[in-house]
C-alpha atoms as a PDB file:
ATOM      1  CA  MET A   1      48.852 138.912  67.435  1.00  0.00           C
ATOM      2  CA  GLY A   2      46.307 135.984  66.314  1.00  0.00           C
ATOM      3  CA  ARG A   3      46.085 133.200  63.886  1.00  0.00           C
ATOM      4  CA  THR A   4      46.348 132.262  60.243  1.00  0.00           C
ATOM      5  CA  ARG A   5      42.949 132.088  58.589  1.00  0.00           C
ATOM      6  CA  ALA A   6      41.604 129.961  55.271  1.00  0.00           C
ATOM      7  CA  LYS A   7      41.885 132.503  52.382  1.00  0.00           C
ATOM      8  CA  ASP A   8      38.675 133.502  51.019  1.00  0.00           C
ATOM      9  CA  THR A   9      36.504 136.182  48.755  1.00  0.00           C
ATOM     10  CA  GLU A  10      33.626 136.473  50.956  1.00  0.00           C
ATOM     11  CA  HIS A  11      35.122 139.467  53.169  1.00  0.00           C
ATOM     12  CA  PRO A  12      35.996 143.074  52.183  1.00  0.00           C
ATOM     13  CA  GLN A  13      39.665 142.649  50.656  1.00  0.00           C
ATOM     14  CA  ALA A  14      42.197 144.830  49.057  1.00  0.00           C
ATOM     15  CA  ARG A  15      45.331 144.264  47.176  1.00  0.00           C
ATOM     16  CA  LEU A  16      48.041 146.407  48.810  1.00  0.00           C
ATOM     17  CA  ASP A  17      50.954 148.314  47.235  1.00  0.00           C
ATOM     18  CA  HIS A  18      53.475 145.704  48.268  1.00  0.00           C
ATOM     19  CA  GLY A  19      51.369 143.168  46.561  1.00  0.00           C
ATOM     20  CA  GLY A  20      49.941 141.454  49.782  1.00  0.00           C
ATOM     21  CA  ILE A  21      46.218 140.985  50.588  1.00  0.00           C
ATOM     22  CA  ALA A  22      44.162 142.922  53.685  1.00  0.00           C
ATOM     23  CA  ARG A  23      40.975 141.364  54.453  1.00  0.00           C
ATOM     24  CA  ILE A  24      38.674 142.567  57.385  1.00  0.00           C
ATOM     25  CA  VAL A  25      36.661 139.452  58.631  1.00  0.00           C
ATOM     26  CA  PRO A  26      34.556 138.866  61.753  1.00  0.00           C
ATOM     27  CA  SER A  27      36.485 138.113  64.941  1.00  0.00           C
ATOM     28  CA  GLU A  28      35.835 134.197  65.342  1.00  0.00           C
ATOM     29  CA  PHE A  29      36.675 134.652  69.430  1.00  0.00           C
ATOM     30  CA  THR A  30      34.811 137.762  70.264  1.00  0.00           C
ATOM     31  CA  THR A  31      32.707 140.703  68.859  1.00  0.00           C
ATOM     32  CA  GLY A  32      33.752 143.243  66.481  1.00  0.00           C
ATOM     33  CA  PHE A  33      36.001 142.438  63.369  1.00  0.00           C
ATOM     34  CA  GLU A  34      39.716 141.948  62.809  1.00  0.00           C
ATOM     35  CA  LEU A  35      42.012 143.244  59.883  1.00  0.00           C
ATOM     36  CA  ILE A  36      44.114 140.412  58.470  1.00  0.00           C
ATOM     37  CA  VAL A  37      47.482 141.645  56.508  1.00  0.00           C
ATOM     38  CA  ASP A  38      48.809 138.721  54.466  1.00  0.00           C
ATOM     39  CA  ASP A  39      47.458 136.149  56.746  1.00  0.00           C
ATOM     40  CA  THR A  40      49.109 138.033  59.749  1.00  0.00           C
ATOM     41  CA  PRO A  41      46.340 139.719  62.022  1.00  0.00           C
ATOM     42  CA  GLN A  42      46.791 143.326  62.369  1.00  0.00           C
ATOM     43  CA  SER A  43      44.027 144.771  64.143  1.00  0.00           C
ATOM     44  CA  HIS A  44      40.761 144.219  66.159  1.00  0.00           C
ATOM     45  CA  VAL A  45      38.064 146.875  65.955  1.00  0.00           C
ATOM     46  CA  ASP A  46      34.681 146.362  68.047  1.00  0.00           C
ATOM     47  CA  LEU A  47      32.350 149.387  66.157  1.00  0.00           C
ATOM     48  CA  ASP A  48      29.585 149.030  68.785  1.00  0.00           C
ATOM     49  CA  ASP A  49      32.501 149.447  71.566  1.00  0.00           C
ATOM     50  CA  PRO A  50      35.621 151.009  70.533  1.00  0.00           C
ATOM     51  CA  THR A  51      36.713 150.828  74.186  1.00  0.00           C
ATOM     52  CA  HIS A  52      36.931 146.954  73.637  1.00  0.00           C
ATOM     53  CA  LEU A  53      40.433 146.244  73.299  1.00  0.00           C
ATOM     54  CA  HIS A  54      40.617 142.640  72.334  1.00  0.00           C
ATOM     55  CA  PHE A  55      44.857 142.101  71.313  1.00  0.00           C
ATOM     56  CA  GLU A  56      46.836 141.810  74.460  1.00  0.00           C
ATOM     57  CA  TYR A  57      49.445 144.534  73.452  1.00  0.00           C
ATOM     58  CA  ILE A  58      46.815 146.799  72.585  1.00  0.00           C
ATOM     59  CA  VAL A  59      45.122 146.257  76.137  1.00  0.00           C
ATOM     60  CA  ARG A  60      48.659 147.628  77.300  1.00  0.00           C
ATOM     61  CA  MET A  61      48.792 150.409  75.360  1.00  0.00           C
ATOM     62  CA  GLY A  62      45.433 151.221  76.229  1.00  0.00           C
ATOM     63  CA  ALA A  63      46.231 150.757  80.147  1.00  0.00           C
ATOM     64  CA  VAL A  64      48.916 153.397  79.634  1.00  0.00           C
ATOM     65  CA  ILE A  65      47.010 156.109  77.798  1.00  0.00           C
ATOM     66  CA  ASP A  66      44.323 156.013  80.853  1.00  0.00           C
ATOM     67  CA  GLN A  67      47.188 156.963  82.957  1.00  0.00           C
ATOM     68  CA  LEU A  68      47.888 160.133  81.122  1.00  0.00           C
ATOM     69  CA  ALA A  69      46.263 163.118  82.448  1.00  0.00           C
ATOM     70  CA  GLY A  70      42.771 163.742  81.816  1.00  0.00           C
ATOM     71  CA  GLY A  71      40.898 165.600  79.097  1.00  0.00           C
ATOM     72  CA  PRO A  72      41.614 165.811  75.320  1.00  0.00           C
ATOM     73  CA  LEU A  73      44.815 164.322  73.562  1.00  0.00           C
ATOM     74  CA  THR A  74      47.265 165.409  71.059  1.00  0.00           C
ATOM     75  CA  ALA A  75      48.423 162.312  69.392  1.00  0.00           C
ATOM     76  CA  VAL A  76      50.215 161.181  66.549  1.00  0.00           C
ATOM     77  CA  HIS A  77      50.196 157.360  65.631  1.00  0.00           C
ATOM     78  CA  LEU A  78      52.149 155.672  62.871  1.00  0.00           C
ATOM     79  CA  GLY A  79      50.867 153.065  61.233  1.00  0.00           C
ATOM     80  CA  ALA A  80      47.393 152.891  60.711  1.00  0.00           C
ATOM     81  CA  GLY A  81      45.813 149.367  60.804  1.00  0.00           C
ATOM     82  CA  ALA A  82      42.192 149.604  61.650  1.00  0.00           C
ATOM     83  CA  LEU A  83      42.638 152.701  63.717  1.00  0.00           C
ATOM     84  CA  THR A  84      41.841 150.768  67.098  1.00  0.00           C
ATOM     85  CA  ILE A  85      43.969 152.947  69.102  1.00  0.00           C
ATOM     86  CA  PRO A  86      42.885 156.348  67.777  1.00  0.00           C
ATOM     87  CA  ARG A  87      39.175 155.141  68.177  1.00  0.00           C
ATOM     88  CA  TYR A  88      39.648 154.048  71.487  1.00  0.00           C
ATOM     89  CA  ILE A  89      40.875 157.623  72.251  1.00  0.00           C
ATOM     90  CA  GLU A  90      37.944 159.509  70.491  1.00  0.00           C
ATOM     91  CA  ALA A  91      35.621 157.328  72.648  1.00  0.00           C
ATOM     92  CA  THR A  92      37.860 157.889  75.966  1.00  0.00           C
ATOM     93  CA  ARG A  93      38.897 161.333  75.296  1.00  0.00           C
ATOM     94  CA  PRO A  94      36.161 163.256  73.494  1.00  0.00           C
ATOM     95  CA  GLY A  95      37.961 166.031  71.311  1.00  0.00           C
ATOM     96  CA  SER A  96      40.953 164.722  70.952  1.00  0.00           C
ATOM     97  CA  ARG A  97      43.336 165.551  67.943  1.00  0.00           C
ATOM     98  CA  GLN A  98      45.072 162.778  66.171  1.00  0.00           C
ATOM     99  CA  GLN A  99      47.079 162.273  63.212  1.00  0.00           C
ATOM    100  CA  VAL A 100      47.565 158.771  61.634  1.00  0.00           C
ATOM    101  CA  ILE A 101      50.361 157.853  59.114  1.00  0.00           C
ATOM    102  CA  GLU A 102      49.722 154.866  56.897  1.00  0.00           C
ATOM    103  CA  LEU A 103      51.672 153.661  53.993  1.00  0.00           C
ATOM    104  CA  GLU A 104      49.096 151.781  52.107  1.00  0.00           C
ATOM    105  CA  ALA A 105      46.607 154.046  50.587  1.00  0.00           C
ATOM    106  CA  PRO A 106      44.355 150.626  49.545  1.00  0.00           C
ATOM    107  CA  LEU A 107      44.468 149.519  53.297  1.00  0.00           C
ATOM    108  CA  ALA A 108      43.407 152.878  54.489  1.00  0.00           C
ATOM    109  CA  ALA A 109      40.305 152.842  52.061  1.00  0.00           C
ATOM    110  CA  LEU A 110      39.070 149.393  52.760  1.00  0.00           C
ATOM    111  CA  VAL A 111      39.380 150.562  56.601  1.00  0.00           C
ATOM    112  CA  ARG A 112      37.547 153.707  55.773  1.00  0.00           C
ATOM    113  CA  GLU A 113      34.921 151.798  53.922  1.00  0.00           C
ATOM    114  CA  HIS A 114      34.225 149.120  55.820  1.00  0.00           C
ATOM    115  CA  LEU A 115      34.796 150.101  59.517  1.00  0.00           C
ATOM    116  CA  PRO A 116      33.950 153.514  59.038  1.00  0.00           C
ATOM    117  CA  LEU A 117      35.469 156.191  61.995  1.00  0.00           C
ATOM    118  CA  PRO A 118      33.309 158.010  64.367  1.00  0.00           C
ATOM    119  CA  ARG A 119      31.326 160.936  62.871  1.00  0.00           C
ATOM    120  CA  GLY A 120      32.954 164.357  63.644  1.00  0.00           C
ATOM    121  CA  ALA A 121      35.965 162.350  65.274  1.00  0.00           C
ATOM    122  CA  SER A 122      39.214 164.476  64.803  1.00  0.00           C
ATOM    123  CA  ILE A 123      41.215 162.078  63.156  1.00  0.00           C
ATOM    124  CA  ARG A 124      43.499 163.135  60.077  1.00  0.00           C
ATOM    125  CA  LEU A 125      44.782 159.922  58.046  1.00  0.00           C
ATOM    126  CA  ARG A 126      47.601 160.846  55.960  1.00  0.00           C
ATOM    127  CA  ILE A 127      49.213 158.541  53.623  1.00  0.00           C
ATOM    128  CA  GLY A 128      53.230 157.886  53.436  1.00  0.00           C
ATOM    129  CA  ASP A 129      56.000 156.101  54.938  1.00  0.00           C
ATOM    130  CA  ALA A 130      56.005 156.897  58.936  1.00  0.00           C
ATOM    131  CA  ARG A 131      59.234 158.282  58.965  1.00  0.00           C
ATOM    132  CA  GLU A 132      58.802 161.025  55.873  1.00  0.00           C
ATOM    133  CA  GLY A 133      55.451 161.516  57.284  1.00  0.00           C
ATOM    134  CA  VAL A 134      56.816 162.511  60.546  1.00  0.00           C
ATOM    135  CA  ARG A 135      58.660 164.939  58.736  1.00  0.00           C
ATOM    136  CA  ARG A 136      55.696 166.445  57.036  1.00  0.00           C
ATOM    137  CA  LEU A 137      53.493 167.137  59.779  1.00  0.00           C
ATOM    138  CA  PRO A 138      52.333 170.317  60.161  1.00  0.00           C
ATOM    139  CA  PRO A 139      55.182 172.333  62.228  1.00  0.00           C
ATOM    140  CA  ALA A 140      52.818 173.372  64.989  1.00  0.00           C
ATOM    141  CA  ILE A 141      52.362 169.758  66.190  1.00  0.00           C
ATOM    142  CA  ALA A 142      56.273 169.538  67.242  1.00  0.00           C
ATOM    143  CA  GLY A 143      56.589 169.719  70.968  1.00  0.00           C
ATOM    144  CA  SER A 144      53.237 169.661  71.437  1.00  0.00           C
ATOM    145  CA  CYS A 145      52.086 165.990  71.092  1.00  0.00           C
ATOM    146  CA  ASP A 146      50.819 163.986  74.394  1.00  0.00           C
ATOM    147  CA  LEU A 147      51.109 160.822  72.796  1.00  0.00           C
ATOM    148  CA  VAL A 148      53.179 159.273  69.635  1.00  0.00           C
ATOM    149  CA  VAL A 149      52.490 155.601  68.976  1.00  0.00           C
ATOM    150  CA  SER A 150      54.838 153.682  66.768  1.00  0.00           C
ATOM    151  CA  ASP A 151      53.019 150.503  65.815  1.00  0.00           C
ATOM    152  CA  VAL A 152      54.264 150.112  62.230  1.00  0.00           C
ATOM    153  CA  TYR A 153      54.609 146.582  60.596  1.00  0.00           C
ATOM    154  CA  SER A 154      55.310 145.152  56.694  1.00  0.00           C
ATOM    155  CA  GLY A 155      53.448 142.045  57.112  1.00  0.00           C
ATOM    156  CA  ALA A 156      54.599 140.902  60.481  1.00  0.00           C
ATOM    157  CA  GLN A 157      58.028 142.608  60.502  1.00  0.00           C
ATOM    158  CA  THR A 158      59.124 146.428  61.779  1.00  0.00           C
ATOM    159  CA  PRO A 159      60.943 148.044  59.029  1.00  0.00           C
ATOM    160  CA  ALA A 160      64.553 148.768  59.664  1.00  0.00           C
ATOM    161  CA  HIS A 161      64.535 152.584  59.289  1.00  0.00           C
ATOM    162  CA  LEU A 162      61.810 152.631  61.902  1.00  0.00           C
ATOM    163  CA  THR A 163      63.981 151.161  64.804  1.00  0.00           C
ATOM    164  CA  SER A 164      67.094 153.693  64.926  1.00  0.00           C
ATOM    165  CA  ILE A 165      68.318 156.217  67.432  1.00  0.00           C
ATOM    166  CA  GLU A 166      68.041 158.991  64.539  1.00  0.00           C
ATOM    167  CA  PHE A 167      64.294 157.948  64.047  1.00  0.00           C
ATOM    168  CA  TYR A 168      63.502 158.288  67.819  1.00  0.00           C
ATOM    169  CA  ARG A 169      64.892 161.667  67.828  1.00  0.00           C
ATOM    170  CA  GLU A 170      62.481 162.379  65.536  1.00  0.00           C
ATOM    171  CA  LEU A 171      59.592 161.362  67.389  1.00  0.00           C
ATOM    172  CA  ALA A 172      60.932 162.749  70.592  1.00  0.00           C
ATOM    173  CA  GLU A 173      60.710 166.278  69.062  1.00  0.00           C
ATOM    174  CA  LEU A 174      56.892 165.718  68.681  1.00  0.00           C
ATOM    175  CA  LEU A 175      56.314 165.263  72.274  1.00  0.00           C
ATOM    176  CA  ALA A 176      55.308 168.077  74.723  1.00  0.00           C
ATOM    177  CA  PRO A 177      56.963 168.079  78.264  1.00  0.00           C
ATOM    178  CA  GLY A 178      55.862 165.024  79.944  1.00  0.00           C
ATOM    179  CA  GLY A 179      54.535 163.468  76.758  1.00  0.00           C
ATOM    180  CA  VAL A 180      55.042 159.267  76.246  1.00  0.00           C
ATOM    181  CA  LEU A 181      56.092 157.443  73.389  1.00  0.00           C
ATOM    182  CA  LEU A 182      54.737 154.138  72.906  1.00  0.00           C
ATOM    183  CA  VAL A 183      56.082 151.350  70.824  1.00  0.00           C
ATOM    184  CA  ASN A 184      55.135 148.019  69.808  1.00  0.00           C
ATOM    185  CA  VAL A 185      57.693 145.362  69.598  1.00  0.00           C
ATOM    186  CA  ALA A 186      57.594 142.050  68.604  1.00  0.00           C
ATOM    187  CA  ASP A 187      60.628 139.627  69.411  1.00  0.00           C
ATOM    188  CA  GLY A 188      61.513 136.000  70.521  1.00  0.00           C
ATOM    189  CA  PRO A 189      63.729 134.024  72.836  1.00  0.00           C
ATOM    190  CA  GLY A 190      66.707 135.950  73.946  1.00  0.00           C
ATOM    191  CA  LEU A 191      64.932 139.302  72.927  1.00  0.00           C
ATOM    192  CA  ALA A 192      68.122 140.469  71.042  1.00  0.00           C
ATOM    193  CA  PHE A 193      65.828 142.690  69.094  1.00  0.00           C
ATOM    194  CA  ALA A 194      63.845 144.046  72.053  1.00  0.00           C
ATOM    195  CA  ARG A 195      66.642 144.647  74.196  1.00  0.00           C
ATOM    196  CA  ARG A 196      68.510 146.824  71.533  1.00  0.00           C
ATOM    197  CA  GLN A 197      65.150 148.725  71.103  1.00  0.00           C
ATOM    198  CA  VAL A 198      64.826 149.340  74.797  1.00  0.00           C
ATOM    199  CA  ALA A 199      68.381 150.697  75.148  1.00  0.00           C
ATOM    200  CA  THR A 200      68.034 152.958  71.831  1.00  0.00           C
ATOM    201  CA  ILE A 201      64.948 154.579  72.934  1.00  0.00           C
ATOM    202  CA  ALA A 202      66.348 155.014  76.527  1.00  0.00           C
ATOM    203  CA  GLU A 203      69.373 156.949  74.616  1.00  0.00           C
ATOM    204  CA  VAL A 204      66.629 159.572  73.835  1.00  0.00           C
ATOM    205  CA  LEU A 205      63.660 159.260  76.192  1.00  0.00           C
ATOM    206  CA  PRO A 206      65.372 158.043  79.440  1.00  0.00           C
ATOM    207  CA  GLU A 207      62.009 157.128  81.733  1.00  0.00           C
ATOM    208  CA  ILE A 208      61.393 153.888  80.196  1.00  0.00           C
ATOM    209  CA  GLY A 209      58.959 150.996  81.125  1.00  0.00           C
ATOM    210  CA  VAL A 210      58.587 147.923  79.403  1.00  0.00           C
ATOM    211  CA  LEU A 211      54.826 146.293  79.427  1.00  0.00           C
ATOM    212  CA  ALA A 212      54.689 142.518  78.417  1.00  0.00           C
ATOM    213  CA  ASP A 213      53.420 139.186  79.637  1.00  0.00           C
ATOM    214  CA  THR A 214      55.987 137.643  82.088  1.00  0.00           C
ATOM    215  CA  GLN A 215      57.082 134.660  79.893  1.00  0.00           C
ATOM    216  CA  VAL A 216      57.520 136.962  76.901  1.00  0.00           C
ATOM    217  CA  LEU A 217      59.626 139.675  79.128  1.00  0.00           C
ATOM    218  CA  LYS A 218      61.930 136.539  80.414  1.00  0.00           C
ATOM    219  CA  GLY A 219      62.240 135.558  76.620  1.00  0.00           C
ATOM    220  CA  ARG A 220      60.892 132.316  76.672  1.00  0.00           C
ATOM    221  CA  ARG A 221      58.672 132.557  73.927  1.00  0.00           C
ATOM    222  CA  PHE A 222      57.737 135.325  70.881  1.00  0.00           C
ATOM    223  CA  GLY A 223      55.230 137.892  71.700  1.00  0.00           C
ATOM    224  CA  ASN A 224      54.772 141.794  71.758  1.00  0.00           C
ATOM    225  CA  LEU A 225      56.545 144.172  74.057  1.00  0.00           C
ATOM    226  CA  VAL A 226      55.171 147.516  74.852  1.00  0.00           C
ATOM    227  CA  ILE A 227      57.899 150.184  75.142  1.00  0.00           C
ATOM    228  CA  ALA A 228      56.547 153.627  77.175  1.00  0.00           C
ATOM    229  CA  ALA A 229      59.092 156.394  77.386  1.00  0.00           C
ATOM    230  CA  SER A 230      59.200 159.858  78.224  1.00  0.00           C
ATOM    231  CA  ALA A 231      61.673 162.585  79.179  1.00  0.00           C
ATOM    232  CA  ALA A 232      59.488 163.101  82.478  1.00  0.00           C
ATOM    233  CA  PRO A 233      58.657 160.361  85.006  1.00  0.00           C
ATOM    234  CA  LEU A 234      55.952 158.097  83.598  1.00  0.00           C
ATOM    235  CA  PRO A 235      52.239 158.118  85.196  1.00  0.00           C
ATOM    236  CA  THR A 236      52.717 154.308  86.263  1.00  0.00           C
ATOM    237  CA  GLU A 237      51.648 154.205  89.955  1.00  0.00           C
ATOM    238  CA  TRP A 238      48.525 152.244  89.450  1.00  0.00           C
ATOM    239  CA  LEU A 239      49.732 150.465  86.407  1.00  0.00           C
ATOM    240  CA  PRO A 240      51.269 147.349  87.976  1.00  0.00           C
ATOM    241  CA  ARG A 241      47.782 146.505  89.818  1.00  0.00           C
ATOM    242  CA  MET A 242      45.940 146.951  86.495  1.00  0.00           C
ATOM    243  CA  LEU A 243      48.282 144.895  84.350  1.00  0.00           C
ATOM    244  CA  ALA A 244      48.438 142.069  86.874  1.00  0.00           C
ATOM    245  CA  ALA A 245      44.585 141.910  87.422  1.00  0.00           C
ATOM    246  CA  GLY A 246      44.188 141.427  83.602  1.00  0.00           C
ATOM    247  CA  PRO A 247      42.082 140.561  81.381  1.00  0.00           C
ATOM    248  CA  HIS A 248      45.855 139.656  80.013  1.00  0.00           C
ATOM    249  CA  PRO A 249      48.184 139.491  82.802  1.00  0.00           C
ATOM    250  CA  ALA A 250      51.245 141.331  82.452  1.00  0.00           C
ATOM    251  CA  LYS A 251      53.959 142.903  84.295  1.00  0.00           C
ATOM    252  CA  ILE A 252      55.911 146.480  83.766  1.00  0.00           C
ATOM    253  CA  ALA A 253      59.543 146.607  84.125  1.00  0.00           C
ATOM    254  CA  GLN A 254      61.056 149.931  85.198  1.00  0.00           C
ATOM    255  CA  GLY A 255      64.078 151.212  86.677  1.00  0.00           C
ATOM    256  CA  ALA A 256      66.578 148.436  87.761  1.00  0.00           C
ATOM    257  CA  GLU A 257      65.091 145.650  85.948  1.00  0.00           C
ATOM    258  CA  VAL A 258      65.315 147.615  82.540  1.00  0.00           C
ATOM    259  CA  THR A 259      68.865 148.287  83.316  1.00  0.00           C
ATOM    260  CA  ALA A 260      69.477 144.882  83.481  1.00  0.00           C
ATOM    261  CA  PHE A 261      67.172 144.085  80.456  1.00  0.00           C
ATOM    262  CA  VAL A 262      69.669 146.357  78.327  1.00  0.00           C
ATOM    263  CA  GLN A 263      72.813 145.297  79.797  1.00  0.00           C
ATOM    264  CA  GLY A 264      75.086 145.004  76.969  1.00  0.00           C
ATOM    265  CA  ALA A 265      72.775 145.789  74.222  1.00  0.00           C
ATOM    266  CA  ARG A 266      74.148 148.176  71.483  1.00  0.00           C
ATOM    267  CA  VAL A 267      72.097 151.712  70.402  1.00  0.00           C
ATOM    268  CA  VAL A 268      70.827 151.173  66.851  1.00  0.00           C
ATOM    269  CA  THR A 269      71.776 153.532  64.222  1.00  0.00           C
ATOM    270  CA  ASP A 270      70.669 154.059  60.542  1.00  0.00           C
ATOM    271  CA  ALA A 271      73.894 152.614  59.560  1.00  0.00           C
ATOM    272  CA  ASP A 272      73.125 149.284  61.375  1.00  0.00           C
ATOM    273  CA  ALA A 273      69.511 149.104  61.882  1.00  0.00           C
ATOM    274  CA  VAL A 274      67.636 145.652  60.894  1.00  0.00           C
ATOM    275  CA  ALA A 275      64.060 144.838  60.669  1.00  0.00           C
ATOM    276  CA  SER A 276      62.395 142.748  63.603  1.00  0.00           C
ATOM    277  CA  PRO A 277      62.649 139.285  63.635  1.00  0.00           C
ATOM    278  CA  ARG A 278      59.979 137.214  61.697  1.00  0.00           C
ATOM    279  CA  PRO A 279      57.652 135.391  63.964  1.00  0.00           C
ATOM    280  CA  ASP A 280      57.309 131.610  62.882  1.00  0.00           C
ATOM    281  CA  ALA A 281      53.567 130.891  61.410  1.00  0.00           C
ATOM    282  CA  SER A 282      52.601 128.593  63.965  1.00  0.00           C
ATOM    283  CA  LEU A 283      52.329 131.560  66.585  1.00  0.00           C
ATOM    284  CA  PHE A 284      49.122 132.738  65.022  1.00  0.00           C
ATOM    285  CA  LEU A 285      47.185 129.324  65.279  1.00  0.00           C
ATOM    286  CA  ARG A 286      44.944 129.017  68.044  1.00  0.00           C
END
């Protein structure tokens, strides 16, 4: 997550179907560009170096992806943003086959035009709701994915229908044996939403790791938590050392820590699902 900016018309922009505005602007703090949607930073992309991951939670996703078995990956991404992770995988795992599902056609068109994908990349972009899009994927994808990434936000919130056990069961069906699900969750003090998300995913994929800044993981401030989950043990032998080293120091909670984290948290169903908490606007100020 980043910060608010003054509105302007000097940079490429598009009006989204829900009425908001998406903009692509040069990063004020590093090389590359940021995708801003309704004044909420959504993605950072460095076209000259797709391995440059700027946002903290994306760095943590990249660290998990780096632990997966070597070679090309089969991946499904829910939520396109500026296609940061698909670009990263293409750069670090040439020959990977990737499917991306994005609700907003104007956003996808804006990114394709002004932040073009590498020539020859096998990245298929599909337009539609994430949950419906999963159901429309080619049947051969089921059971073949090394990686599924769920990073869907409408503005600054994850829609309720993408938080339930029924939804996560559909995602689990895409995974190959040993495949990994990565979910980006944003939450604040108390972490009531995140705890329920971890408890829900653990009912479907029992091997769980939660990656976050220590203060976020303790529920002391609003931020992003990355949930990594699999039916098989996660390949995380070297991950704690990598996360502690930075550039954004963090930790991974596993085993007994996860059990304690979810204690008393109820599993989310379609019947009682709610959207993720809305962050205070001051969060995006630097």
